[in-house]
């Protein structure tokens, strides 16, 4: 039986343009670069924000992801574009192949 080794990497970032001001968020990457999942959450707990992104295999292969930060930046970009920070979705969101890449500051929290 083959085993699959999963990565877990956490980043912090501060999205701009939120209705209630700037707040620290964390983005957790779990999986492999071919099958990633990204979960974004607000750190301060004042406003509940949790956005889970499932990355379809065809999107991961089409984007040719080579590092964790690129996947996370695409998830943040889509969340910003679709206003998920102000109106979090009820369920899992699928990352779009045309998700805009967020270019803000992304800091590694821990691996």
PDB file of N, CA and C in Angstrom:
ATOM      1  N   UNK A   1       0.838  -1.177   0.000  1.00  0.00           N
ATOM      2  CA  UNK A   1       0.000   0.000   0.000  1.00  0.00           C
ATOM      3  C   UNK A   1       0.888   1.247   0.000  1.00  0.00           C
ATOM      4  N   UNK A   2       0.601   2.171  -0.904  1.00  0.00           N
ATOM      5  CA  UNK A   2       1.342   3.424  -0.982  1.00  0.00           C
ATOM      6  C   UNK A   2       0.823   4.390   0.074  1.00  0.00           C
ATOM      7  N   UNK A   3       1.712   5.199   0.610  1.00  0.00           N
ATOM      8  CA  UNK A   3       1.301   6.235   1.546  1.00  0.00           C
ATOM      9  C   UNK A   3       1.473   7.592   0.899  1.00  0.00           C
ATOM     10  N   UNK A   4       0.652   8.515   1.296  1.00  0.00           N
ATOM     11  CA  UNK A   4       0.681   9.870   0.763  1.00  0.00           C
ATOM     12  C   UNK A   4       1.105  10.807   1.883  1.00  0.00           C
ATOM     13  N   UNK A   5       2.188  11.517   1.677  1.00  0.00           N
ATOM     14  CA  UNK A   5       2.676  12.461   2.676  1.00  0.00           C
ATOM     15  C   UNK A   5       2.049  13.826   2.418  1.00  0.00           C
ATOM     16  N   UNK A   6       1.330  14.347   3.417  1.00  0.00           N
ATOM     17  CA  UNK A   6       0.656  15.629   3.281  1.00  0.00           C
ATOM     18  C   UNK A   6       1.472  16.737   3.928  1.00  0.00           C
ATOM     19  N   UNK A   7       1.475  17.893   3.292  1.00  0.00           N
ATOM     20  CA  UNK A   7       2.115  19.078   3.845  1.00  0.00           C
ATOM     21  C   UNK A   7       1.085  19.872   4.637  1.00  0.00           C
ATOM     22  N   UNK A   8       1.563  20.595   5.610  1.00  0.00           N
ATOM     23  CA  UNK A   8       0.721  21.517   6.357  1.00  0.00           C
ATOM     24  C   UNK A   8       1.548  22.780   6.581  1.00  0.00           C
ATOM     25  N   UNK A   9       1.108  23.878   5.975  1.00  0.00           N
ATOM     26  CA  UNK A   9       1.826  25.148   6.051  1.00  0.00           C
ATOM     27  C   UNK A   9       0.815  26.232   6.397  1.00  0.00           C
ATOM     28  N   UNK A  10       1.190  27.104   7.330  1.00  0.00           N
ATOM     29  CA  UNK A  10       0.276  28.169   7.742  1.00  0.00           C
ATOM     30  C   UNK A  10       0.905  29.535   7.483  1.00  0.00           C
ATOM     31  N   UNK A  11       0.111  30.432   6.925  1.00  0.00           N
ATOM     32  CA  UNK A  11       0.530  31.795   6.613  1.00  0.00           C
ATOM     33  C   UNK A  11      -0.365  32.779   7.351  1.00  0.00           C
ATOM     34  N   UNK A  12       0.146  33.980   7.613  1.00  0.00           N
ATOM     35  CA  UNK A  12      -0.675  35.076   8.119  1.00  0.00           C
ATOM     36  C   UNK A  12      -0.712  36.174   7.065  1.00  0.00           C
ATOM     37  N   UNK A  13      -1.819  36.913   7.049  1.00  0.00           N
ATOM     38  CA  UNK A  13      -1.960  38.016   6.097  1.00  0.00           C
ATOM     39  C   UNK A  13      -3.045  38.961   6.604  1.00  0.00           C
ATOM     40  N   UNK A  14      -3.058  40.155   6.053  1.00  0.00           N
ATOM     41  CA  UNK A  14      -4.035  41.178   6.415  1.00  0.00           C
ATOM     42  C   UNK A  14      -4.752  41.625   5.144  1.00  0.00           C
ATOM     43  N   UNK A  15      -5.962  41.116   4.892  1.00  0.00           N
ATOM     44  CA  UNK A  15      -6.683  41.546   3.691  1.00  0.00           C
ATOM     45  C   UNK A  15      -7.129  42.996   3.821  1.00  0.00           C
ATOM     46  N   UNK A  16      -7.176  43.679   2.724  1.00  0.00           N
ATOM     47  CA  UNK A  16      -7.568  45.087   2.680  1.00  0.00           C
ATOM     48  C   UNK A  16      -8.982  45.183   2.116  1.00  0.00           C
ATOM     49  N   UNK A  17      -9.736  46.165   2.564  1.00  0.00           N
ATOM     50  CA  UNK A  17     -11.055  46.410   2.003  1.00  0.00           C
ATOM     51  C   UNK A  17     -12.180  45.695   2.723  1.00  0.00           C
ATOM     52  N   UNK A  18     -11.930  45.253   3.949  1.00  0.00           N
ATOM     53  CA  UNK A  18     -12.998  44.628   4.712  1.00  0.00           C
ATOM     54  C   UNK A  18     -13.921  45.700   5.268  1.00  0.00           C
ATOM     55  N   UNK A  19     -15.198  45.370   5.406  1.00  0.00           N
ATOM     56  CA  UNK A  19     -16.171  46.340   5.902  1.00  0.00           C
ATOM     57  C   UNK A  19     -15.837  46.821   7.307  1.00  0.00           C
ATOM     58  N   UNK A  20     -15.208  45.948   8.119  1.00  0.00           N
ATOM     59  CA  UNK A  20     -14.943  46.330   9.507  1.00  0.00           C
ATOM     60  C   UNK A  20     -13.461  46.581   9.772  1.00  0.00           C
ATOM     61  N   UNK A  21     -12.715  46.929   8.749  1.00  0.00           N
ATOM     62  CA  UNK A  21     -11.313  47.261   8.926  1.00  0.00           C
ATOM     63  C   UNK A  21     -10.376  46.090   8.714  1.00  0.00           C
ATOM     64  N   UNK A  22      -9.114  46.348   8.918  1.00  0.00           N
ATOM     65  CA  UNK A  22      -8.080  45.351   8.689  1.00  0.00           C
ATOM     66  C   UNK A  22      -7.993  44.424   9.894  1.00  0.00           C
ATOM     67  N   UNK A  23      -7.895  43.131   9.656  1.00  0.00           N
ATOM     68  CA  UNK A  23      -7.750  42.153  10.735  1.00  0.00           C
ATOM     69  C   UNK A  23      -6.826  41.037  10.265  1.00  0.00           C
ATOM     70  N   UNK A  24      -6.072  40.484  11.205  1.00  0.00           N
ATOM     71  CA  UNK A  24      -5.158  39.394  10.866  1.00  0.00           C
ATOM     72  C   UNK A  24      -5.955  38.130  10.531  1.00  0.00           C
ATOM     73  N   UNK A  25      -5.541  37.490   9.473  1.00  0.00           N
ATOM     74  CA  UNK A  25      -6.138  36.228   9.043  1.00  0.00           C
ATOM     75  C   UNK A  25      -5.030  35.185   8.914  1.00  0.00           C
ATOM     76  N   UNK A  26      -5.410  33.945   8.960  1.00  0.00           N
ATOM     77  CA  UNK A  26      -4.482  32.837   8.726  1.00  0.00           C
ATOM     78  C   UNK A  26      -5.010  32.007   7.577  1.00  0.00           C
ATOM     79  N   UNK A  27      -4.088  31.511   6.786  1.00  0.00           N
ATOM     80  CA  UNK A  27      -4.427  30.601   5.702  1.00  0.00           C
ATOM     81  C   UNK A  27      -3.639  29.326   5.916  1.00  0.00           C
ATOM     82  N   UNK A  28      -4.329  28.224   6.069  1.00  0.00           N
ATOM     83  CA  UNK A  28      -3.703  26.930   6.285  1.00  0.00           C
ATOM     84  C   UNK A  28      -3.770  26.132   4.997  1.00  0.00           C
ATOM     85  N   UNK A  29      -2.608  25.743   4.512  1.00  0.00           N
ATOM     86  CA  UNK A  29      -2.504  24.873   3.342  1.00  0.00           C
ATOM     87  C   UNK A  29      -2.340  23.459   3.871  1.00  0.00           C
ATOM     88  N   UNK A  30      -3.152  22.536   3.370  1.00  0.00           N
ATOM     89  CA  UNK A  30      -3.037  21.129   3.735  1.00  0.00           C
ATOM     90  C   UNK A  30      -3.163  20.309   2.460  1.00  0.00           C
ATOM     91  N   UNK A  31      -2.331  19.313   2.325  1.00  0.00           N
ATOM     92  CA  UNK A  31      -2.419  18.430   1.170  1.00  0.00           C
ATOM     93  C   UNK A  31      -1.101  18.329   0.451  1.00  0.00           C
ATOM     94  N   UNK A  32      -1.205  18.189  -0.853  1.00  0.00           N
ATOM     95  CA  UNK A  32      -0.038  18.182  -1.723  1.00  0.00           C
ATOM     96  C   UNK A  32      -0.254  19.281  -2.750  1.00  0.00           C
ATOM     97  N   UNK A  33       0.782  19.643  -3.470  1.00  0.00           N
ATOM     98  CA  UNK A  33       0.616  20.694  -4.482  1.00  0.00           C
ATOM     99  C   UNK A  33      -0.321  20.243  -5.600  1.00  0.00           C
ATOM    100  N   UNK A  34      -0.488  18.940  -5.790  1.00  0.00           N
ATOM    101  CA  UNK A  34      -1.408  18.437  -6.809  1.00  0.00           C
ATOM    102  C   UNK A  34      -2.843  18.364  -6.295  1.00  0.00           C
ATOM    103  N   UNK A  35      -3.026  18.246  -4.979  1.00  0.00           N
ATOM    104  CA  UNK A  35      -4.367  18.146  -4.383  1.00  0.00           C
ATOM    105  C   UNK A  35      -4.452  18.983  -3.107  1.00  0.00           C
ATOM    106  N   UNK A  36      -4.350  20.297  -3.230  1.00  0.00           N
ATOM    107  CA  UNK A  36      -4.347  21.140  -2.031  1.00  0.00           C
ATOM    108  C   UNK A  36      -5.738  21.509  -1.543  1.00  0.00           C
ATOM    109  N   UNK A  37      -5.809  21.826  -0.261  1.00  0.00           N
ATOM    110  CA  UNK A  37      -6.976  22.419   0.376  1.00  0.00           C
ATOM    111  C   UNK A  37      -6.452  23.629   1.138  1.00  0.00           C
ATOM    112  N   UNK A  38      -7.165  24.744   1.072  1.00  0.00           N
ATOM    113  CA  UNK A  38      -6.773  25.953   1.793  1.00  0.00           C
ATOM    114  C   UNK A  38      -7.940  26.375   2.672  1.00  0.00           C
ATOM    115  N   UNK A  39      -7.666  26.618   3.947  1.00  0.00           N
ATOM    116  CA  UNK A  39      -8.691  27.105   4.865  1.00  0.00           C
ATOM    117  C   UNK A  39      -8.225  28.453   5.399  1.00  0.00           C
ATOM    118  N   UNK A  40      -9.054  29.470   5.213  1.00  0.00           N
ATOM    119  CA  UNK A  40      -8.751  30.826   5.658  1.00  0.00           C
ATOM    120  C   UNK A  40      -9.636  31.131   6.861  1.00  0.00           C
ATOM    121  N   UNK A  41      -9.050  31.695   7.914  1.00  0.00           N
ATOM    122  CA  UNK A  41      -9.836  32.059   9.087  1.00  0.00           C
ATOM    123  C   UNK A  41      -9.313  33.352   9.688  1.00  0.00           C
ATOM    124  N   UNK A  42     -10.195  34.054  10.370  1.00  0.00           N
ATOM    125  CA  UNK A  42      -9.821  35.294  11.045  1.00  0.00           C
ATOM    126  C   UNK A  42      -9.244  34.945  12.398  1.00  0.00           C
ATOM    127  N   UNK A  43      -8.175  35.603  12.800  1.00  0.00           N
ATOM    128  CA  UNK A  43      -7.449  35.249  14.010  1.00  0.00           C
ATOM    129  C   UNK A  43      -8.080  35.810  15.278  1.00  0.00           C
ATOM    130  N   UNK A  44      -8.574  37.046  15.249  1.00  0.00           N
ATOM    131  CA  UNK A  44      -9.010  37.701  16.472  1.00  0.00           C
ATOM    132  C   UNK A  44     -10.329  37.188  17.037  1.00  0.00           C
ATOM    133  N   UNK A  45     -11.094  36.446  16.261  1.00  0.00           N
ATOM    134  CA  UNK A  45     -12.330  35.862  16.764  1.00  0.00           C
ATOM    135  C   UNK A  45     -13.477  36.837  16.940  1.00  0.00           C
ATOM    136  N   UNK A  46     -13.276  38.118  16.605  1.00  0.00           N
ATOM    137  CA  UNK A  46     -14.337  39.113  16.759  1.00  0.00           C
ATOM    138  C   UNK A  46     -15.470  38.827  15.778  1.00  0.00           C
ATOM    139  N   UNK A  47     -15.110  38.534  14.566  1.00  0.00           N
ATOM    140  CA  UNK A  47     -16.093  38.199  13.541  1.00  0.00           C
ATOM    141  C   UNK A  47     -15.699  36.839  12.984  1.00  0.00           C
ATOM    142  N   UNK A  48     -16.620  35.920  13.002  1.00  0.00           N
ATOM    143  CA  UNK A  48     -16.320  34.568  12.540  1.00  0.00           C
ATOM    144  C   UNK A  48     -16.164  34.543  11.017  1.00  0.00           C
ATOM    145  N   UNK A  49     -14.981  34.212  10.568  1.00  0.00           N
ATOM    146  CA  UNK A  49     -14.720  34.075   9.141  1.00  0.00           C
ATOM    147  C   UNK A  49     -13.944  32.784   8.935  1.00  0.00           C
ATOM    148  N   UNK A  50     -14.527  31.869   8.196  1.00  0.00           N
ATOM    149  CA  UNK A  50     -13.847  30.632   7.835  1.00  0.00           C
ATOM    150  C   UNK A  50     -14.241  30.318   6.404  1.00  0.00           C
ATOM    151  N   UNK A  51     -13.247  30.260   5.550  1.00  0.00           N
ATOM    152  CA  UNK A  51     -13.477  30.005   4.139  1.00  0.00           C
ATOM    153  C   UNK A  51     -12.623  28.801   3.745  1.00  0.00           C
ATOM    154  N   UNK A  52     -13.270  27.731   3.350  1.00  0.00           N
ATOM    155  CA  UNK A  52     -12.545  26.523   2.947  1.00  0.00           C
ATOM    156  C   UNK A  52     -12.555  26.417   1.428  1.00  0.00           C
ATOM    157  N   UNK A  53     -11.359  26.278   0.857  1.00  0.00           N
ATOM    158  CA  UNK A  53     -11.213  26.130  -0.579  1.00  0.00           C
ATOM    159  C   UNK A  53     -10.726  24.730  -0.905  1.00  0.00           C
ATOM    160  N   UNK A  54     -11.447  24.057  -1.764  1.00  0.00           N
ATOM    161  CA  UNK A  54     -11.000  22.787  -2.320  1.00  0.00           C
ATOM    162  C   UNK A  54     -10.472  23.118  -3.713  1.00  0.00           C
ATOM    163  N   UNK A  55      -9.309  22.627  -4.025  1.00  0.00           N
ATOM    164  CA  UNK A  55      -8.710  22.919  -5.323  1.00  0.00           C
ATOM    165  C   UNK A  55      -8.885  21.701  -6.220  1.00  0.00           C
ATOM    166  N   UNK A  56      -9.732  21.807  -7.246  1.00  0.00           N
ATOM    167  CA  UNK A  56      -9.912  20.667  -8.139  1.00  0.00           C
ATOM    168  C   UNK A  56      -8.586  20.258  -8.785  1.00  0.00           C
ATOM    169  N   UNK A  57      -8.433  18.981  -9.012  1.00  0.00           N
ATOM    170  CA  UNK A  57      -7.197  18.446  -9.588  1.00  0.00           C
ATOM    171  C   UNK A  57      -6.844  19.138 -10.909  1.00  0.00           C
ATOM    172  N   UNK A  58      -7.843  19.366 -11.768  1.00  0.00           N
ATOM    173  CA  UNK A  58      -7.553  19.977 -13.069  1.00  0.00           C
ATOM    174  C   UNK A  58      -7.041  21.414 -12.913  1.00  0.00           C
ATOM    175  N   UNK A  59      -7.503  22.134 -11.875  1.00  0.00           N
ATOM    176  CA  UNK A  59      -7.018  23.491 -11.631  1.00  0.00           C
ATOM    177  C   UNK A  59      -5.576  23.437 -11.131  1.00  0.00           C
ATOM    178  N   UNK A  60      -5.297  22.534 -10.189  1.00  0.00           N
ATOM    179  CA  UNK A  60      -3.935  22.412  -9.649  1.00  0.00           C
ATOM    180  C   UNK A  60      -2.936  22.075 -10.755  1.00  0.00           C
ATOM    181  N   UNK A  61      -3.312  21.174 -11.648  1.00  0.00           N
ATOM    182  CA  UNK A  61      -2.399  20.810 -12.736  1.00  0.00           C
ATOM    183  C   UNK A  61      -2.275  21.924 -13.771  1.00  0.00           C
ATOM    184  N   UNK A  62      -3.382  22.601 -14.073  1.00  0.00           N
ATOM    185  CA  UNK A  62      -3.336  23.693 -15.050  1.00  0.00           C
ATOM    186  C   UNK A  62      -2.492  24.863 -14.554  1.00  0.00           C
ATOM    187  N   UNK A  63      -2.533  25.127 -13.251  1.00  0.00           N
ATOM    188  CA  UNK A  63      -1.776  26.243 -12.672  1.00  0.00           C
ATOM    189  C   UNK A  63      -0.307  25.893 -12.447  1.00  0.00           C
ATOM    190  N   UNK A  64       0.036  24.616 -12.507  1.00  0.00           N
ATOM    191  CA  UNK A  64       1.424  24.177 -12.299  1.00  0.00           C
ATOM    192  C   UNK A  64       2.001  24.746 -11.008  1.00  0.00           C
ATOM    193  N   UNK A  65       1.281  24.575  -9.916  1.00  0.00           N
ATOM    194  CA  UNK A  65       1.749  25.089  -8.632  1.00  0.00           C
ATOM    195  C   UNK A  65       3.104  24.493  -8.274  1.00  0.00           C
ATOM    196  N   UNK A  66       4.022  25.371  -7.871  1.00  0.00           N
ATOM    197  CA  UNK A  66       5.343  24.902  -7.451  1.00  0.00           C
ATOM    198  C   UNK A  66       5.636  25.236  -5.997  1.00  0.00           C
ATOM    199  N   UNK A  67       4.769  26.033  -5.360  1.00  0.00           N
ATOM    200  CA  UNK A  67       4.954  26.302  -3.933  1.00  0.00           C
ATOM    201  C   UNK A  67       3.602  26.565  -3.266  1.00  0.00           C
ATOM    202  N   UNK A  68       3.585  26.429  -1.971  1.00  0.00           N
ATOM    203  CA  UNK A  68       2.362  26.569  -1.192  1.00  0.00           C
ATOM    204  C   UNK A  68       1.791  27.976  -1.252  1.00  0.00           C
ATOM    205  N   UNK A  69       2.659  28.962  -1.270  1.00  0.00           N
ATOM    206  CA  UNK A  69       2.213  30.354  -1.254  1.00  0.00           C
ATOM    207  C   UNK A  69       1.372  30.695  -2.484  1.00  0.00           C
ATOM    208  N   UNK A  70       1.702  30.132  -3.640  1.00  0.00           N
ATOM    209  CA  UNK A  70       0.926  30.422  -4.852  1.00  0.00           C
ATOM    210  C   UNK A  70      -0.517  29.943  -4.723  1.00  0.00           C
ATOM    211  N   UNK A  71      -0.714  28.770  -4.164  1.00  0.00           N
ATOM    212  CA  UNK A  71      -2.068  28.244  -3.970  1.00  0.00           C
ATOM    213  C   UNK A  71      -2.835  29.141  -3.001  1.00  0.00           C
ATOM    214  N   UNK A  72      -2.185  29.506  -1.910  1.00  0.00           N
ATOM    215  CA  UNK A  72      -2.821  30.358  -0.906  1.00  0.00           C
ATOM    216  C   UNK A  72      -3.142  31.724  -1.496  1.00  0.00           C
ATOM    217  N   UNK A  73      -2.231  32.290  -2.268  1.00  0.00           N
ATOM    218  CA  UNK A  73      -2.479  33.598  -2.888  1.00  0.00           C
ATOM    219  C   UNK A  73      -3.682  33.548  -3.841  1.00  0.00           C
ATOM    220  N   UNK A  74      -3.832  32.450  -4.567  1.00  0.00           N
ATOM    221  CA  UNK A  74      -4.988  32.307  -5.460  1.00  0.00           C
ATOM    222  C   UNK A  74      -6.287  32.209  -4.659  1.00  0.00           C
ATOM    223  N   UNK A  75      -6.259  31.487  -3.534  1.00  0.00           N
ATOM    224  CA  UNK A  75      -7.455  31.376  -2.693  1.00  0.00           C
ATOM    225  C   UNK A  75      -7.823  32.733  -2.093  1.00  0.00           C
ATOM    226  N   UNK A  76      -6.829  33.484  -1.615  1.00  0.00           N
ATOM    227  CA  UNK A  76      -7.088  34.817  -1.065  1.00  0.00           C
ATOM    228  C   UNK A  76      -7.628  35.734  -2.163  1.00  0.00           C
ATOM    229  N   UNK A  77      -7.044  35.647  -3.347  1.00  0.00           N
ATOM    230  CA  UNK A  77      -7.510  36.466  -4.468  1.00  0.00           C
ATOM    231  C   UNK A  77      -8.959  36.192  -4.825  1.00  0.00           C
ATOM    232  N   UNK A  78      -9.332  34.907  -4.859  1.00  0.00           N
ATOM    233  CA  UNK A  78     -10.723  34.568  -5.164  1.00  0.00           C
ATOM    234  C   UNK A  78     -11.646  35.012  -4.029  1.00  0.00           C
ATOM    235  N   UNK A  79     -11.213  34.833  -2.785  1.00  0.00           N
ATOM    236  CA  UNK A  79     -12.032  35.264  -1.645  1.00  0.00           C
ATOM    237  C   UNK A  79     -12.264  36.769  -1.674  1.00  0.00           C
ATOM    238  N   UNK A  80     -11.238  37.512  -2.067  1.00  0.00           N
ATOM    239  CA  UNK A  80     -11.364  38.966  -2.180  1.00  0.00           C
ATOM    240  C   UNK A  80     -12.299  39.329  -3.323  1.00  0.00           C
ATOM    241  N   UNK A  81     -12.069  38.725  -4.477  1.00  0.00           N
ATOM    242  CA  UNK A  81     -12.902  39.004  -5.661  1.00  0.00           C
ATOM    243  C   UNK A  81     -14.377  38.709  -5.403  1.00  0.00           C
ATOM    244  N   UNK A  82     -14.645  37.605  -4.713  1.00  0.00           N
ATOM    245  CA  UNK A  82     -16.026  37.165  -4.502  1.00  0.00           C
ATOM    246  C   UNK A  82     -16.626  37.669  -3.184  1.00  0.00           C
ATOM    247  N   UNK A  83     -15.918  38.572  -2.485  1.00  0.00           N
ATOM    248  CA  UNK A  83     -16.375  39.212  -1.250  1.00  0.00           C
ATOM    249  C   UNK A  83     -16.637  38.209  -0.120  1.00  0.00           C
ATOM    250  N   UNK A  84     -15.886  37.122  -0.077  1.00  0.00           N
ATOM    251  CA  UNK A  84     -16.080  36.105   0.964  1.00  0.00           C
ATOM    252  C   UNK A  84     -15.618  36.561   2.344  1.00  0.00           C
ATOM    253  N   UNK A  85     -14.735  37.544   2.422  1.00  0.00           N
ATOM    254  CA  UNK A  85     -14.303  38.024   3.735  1.00  0.00           C
ATOM    255  C   UNK A  85     -15.442  38.747   4.456  1.00  0.00           C
ATOM    256  N   UNK A  86     -16.267  39.461   3.703  1.00  0.00           N
ATOM    257  CA  UNK A  86     -17.393  40.175   4.295  1.00  0.00           C
ATOM    258  C   UNK A  86     -18.659  39.318   4.354  1.00  0.00           C
ATOM    259  N   UNK A  87     -18.778  38.364   3.447  1.00  0.00           N
ATOM    260  CA  UNK A  87     -19.931  37.465   3.401  1.00  0.00           C
ATOM    261  C   UNK A  87     -19.431  36.036   3.219  1.00  0.00           C
ATOM    262  N   UNK A  88     -18.976  35.402   4.311  1.00  0.00           N
ATOM    263  CA  UNK A  88     -18.414  34.051   4.206  1.00  0.00           C
ATOM    264  C   UNK A  88     -19.434  33.048   3.671  1.00  0.00           C
ATOM    265  N   UNK A  89     -19.001  32.145   2.804  1.00  0.00           N
ATOM    266  CA  UNK A  89     -19.905  31.131   2.263  1.00  0.00           C
ATOM    267  C   UNK A  89     -20.253  30.088   3.326  1.00  0.00           C
ATOM    268  N   UNK A  90     -21.358  29.414   3.144  1.00  0.00           N
ATOM    269  CA  UNK A  90     -21.794  28.390   4.086  1.00  0.00           C
ATOM    270  C   UNK A  90     -20.986  27.097   3.955  1.00  0.00           C
ATOM    271  N   UNK A  91     -20.574  26.771   2.751  1.00  0.00           N
ATOM    272  CA  UNK A  91     -19.870  25.510   2.530  1.00  0.00           C
ATOM    273  C   UNK A  91     -18.520  25.717   1.888  1.00  0.00           C
ATOM    274  N   UNK A  92     -17.980  24.635   1.385  1.00  0.00           N
ATOM    275  CA  UNK A  92     -16.685  24.663   0.721  1.00  0.00           C
ATOM    276  C   UNK A  92     -16.789  25.388  -0.614  1.00  0.00           C
ATOM    277  N   UNK A  93     -15.765  26.154  -0.937  1.00  0.00           N
ATOM    278  CA  UNK A  93     -15.672  26.873  -2.208  1.00  0.00           C
ATOM    279  C   UNK A  93     -14.653  26.134  -3.069  1.00  0.00           C
ATOM    280  N   UNK A  94     -14.913  26.033  -4.354  1.00  0.00           N
ATOM    281  CA  UNK A  94     -13.952  25.421  -5.267  1.00  0.00           C
ATOM    282  C   UNK A  94     -13.141  26.524  -5.928  1.00  0.00           C
ATOM    283  N   UNK A  95     -11.828  26.381  -5.883  1.00  0.00           N
ATOM    284  CA  UNK A  95     -10.954  27.390  -6.479  1.00  0.00           C
ATOM    285  C   UNK A  95     -11.150  27.409  -7.985  1.00  0.00           C
ATOM    286  N   UNK A  96     -11.351  28.592  -8.531  1.00  0.00           N
ATOM    287  CA  UNK A  96     -11.531  28.768  -9.969  1.00  0.00           C
ATOM    288  C   UNK A  96     -10.189  28.735 -10.682  1.00  0.00           C
ATOM    289  N   UNK A  97     -10.198  28.271 -11.897  1.00  0.00           N
ATOM    290  CA  UNK A  97      -8.988  28.280 -12.707  1.00  0.00           C
ATOM    291  C   UNK A  97      -8.528  29.681 -13.039  1.00  0.00           C
ATOM    292  N   UNK A  98      -9.457  30.654 -12.986  1.00  0.00           N
ATOM    293  CA  UNK A  98      -9.099  32.038 -13.300  1.00  0.00           C
ATOM    294  C   UNK A  98      -9.041  32.917 -12.050  1.00  0.00           C
ATOM    295  N   UNK A  99      -8.863  32.300 -10.886  1.00  0.00           N
ATOM    296  CA  UNK A  99      -8.777  33.075  -9.644  1.00  0.00           C
ATOM    297  C   UNK A  99      -7.606  34.047  -9.729  1.00  0.00           C
ATOM    298  N   UNK A 100      -7.854  35.322  -9.376  1.00  0.00           N
ATOM    299  CA  UNK A 100      -6.755  36.291  -9.417  1.00  0.00           C
ATOM    300  C   UNK A 100      -5.772  36.036  -8.278  1.00  0.00           C
ATOM    301  N   UNK A 101      -4.508  36.170  -8.549  1.00  0.00           N
ATOM    302  CA  UNK A 101      -3.485  35.950  -7.524  1.00  0.00           C
ATOM    303  C   UNK A 101      -3.344  37.207  -6.675  1.00  0.00           C
ATOM    304  N   UNK A 102      -3.540  37.062  -5.365  1.00  0.00           N
ATOM    305  CA  UNK A 102      -3.401  38.166  -4.419  1.00  0.00           C
ATOM    306  C   UNK A 102      -1.918  38.501  -4.289  1.00  0.00           C
ATOM    307  N   UNK A 103      -1.586  39.796  -4.292  1.00  0.00           N
ATOM    308  CA  UNK A 103      -0.185  40.214  -4.288  1.00  0.00           C
ATOM    309  C   UNK A 103       0.256  40.878  -2.986  1.00  0.00           C
ATOM    310  N   UNK A 104      -0.602  40.810  -1.975  1.00  0.00           N
ATOM    311  CA  UNK A 104      -0.263  41.432  -0.687  1.00  0.00           C
ATOM    312  C   UNK A 104       0.803  40.656   0.075  1.00  0.00           C
ATOM    313  N   UNK A 105       1.113  41.136   1.278  1.00  0.00           N
ATOM    314  CA  UNK A 105       2.117  40.521   2.123  1.00  0.00           C
ATOM    315  C   UNK A 105       1.579  39.240   2.737  1.00  0.00           C
ATOM    316  N   UNK A 106       2.312  38.166   2.539  1.00  0.00           N
ATOM    317  CA  UNK A 106       1.969  36.845   3.064  1.00  0.00           C
ATOM    318  C   UNK A 106       3.172  36.358   3.859  1.00  0.00           C
ATOM    319  N   UNK A 107       2.977  36.114   5.166  1.00  0.00           N
ATOM    320  CA  UNK A 107       4.096  35.699   5.998  1.00  0.00           C
ATOM    321  C   UNK A 107       3.896  34.273   6.486  1.00  0.00           C
ATOM    322  N   UNK A 108       4.969  33.519   6.454  1.00  0.00           N
ATOM    323  CA  UNK A 108       4.943  32.144   6.935  1.00  0.00           C
ATOM    324  C   UNK A 108       4.797  32.144   8.449  1.00  0.00           C
ATOM    325  N   UNK A 109       3.743  31.495   8.967  1.00  0.00           N
ATOM    326  CA  UNK A 109       3.526  31.413  10.410  1.00  0.00           C
ATOM    327  C   UNK A 109       4.252  30.200  10.965  1.00  0.00           C
ATOM    328  N   UNK A 110       4.028  29.056  10.388  1.00  0.00           N
ATOM    329  CA  UNK A 110       4.797  27.856  10.719  1.00  0.00           C
ATOM    330  C   UNK A 110       4.493  26.747   9.728  1.00  0.00           C
ATOM    331  N   UNK A 111       5.395  25.805   9.715  1.00  0.00           N
ATOM    332  CA  UNK A 111       5.296  24.689   8.774  1.00  0.00           C
ATOM    333  C   UNK A 111       5.212  23.418   9.535  1.00  0.00           C
TER     334      UNK A 111
END
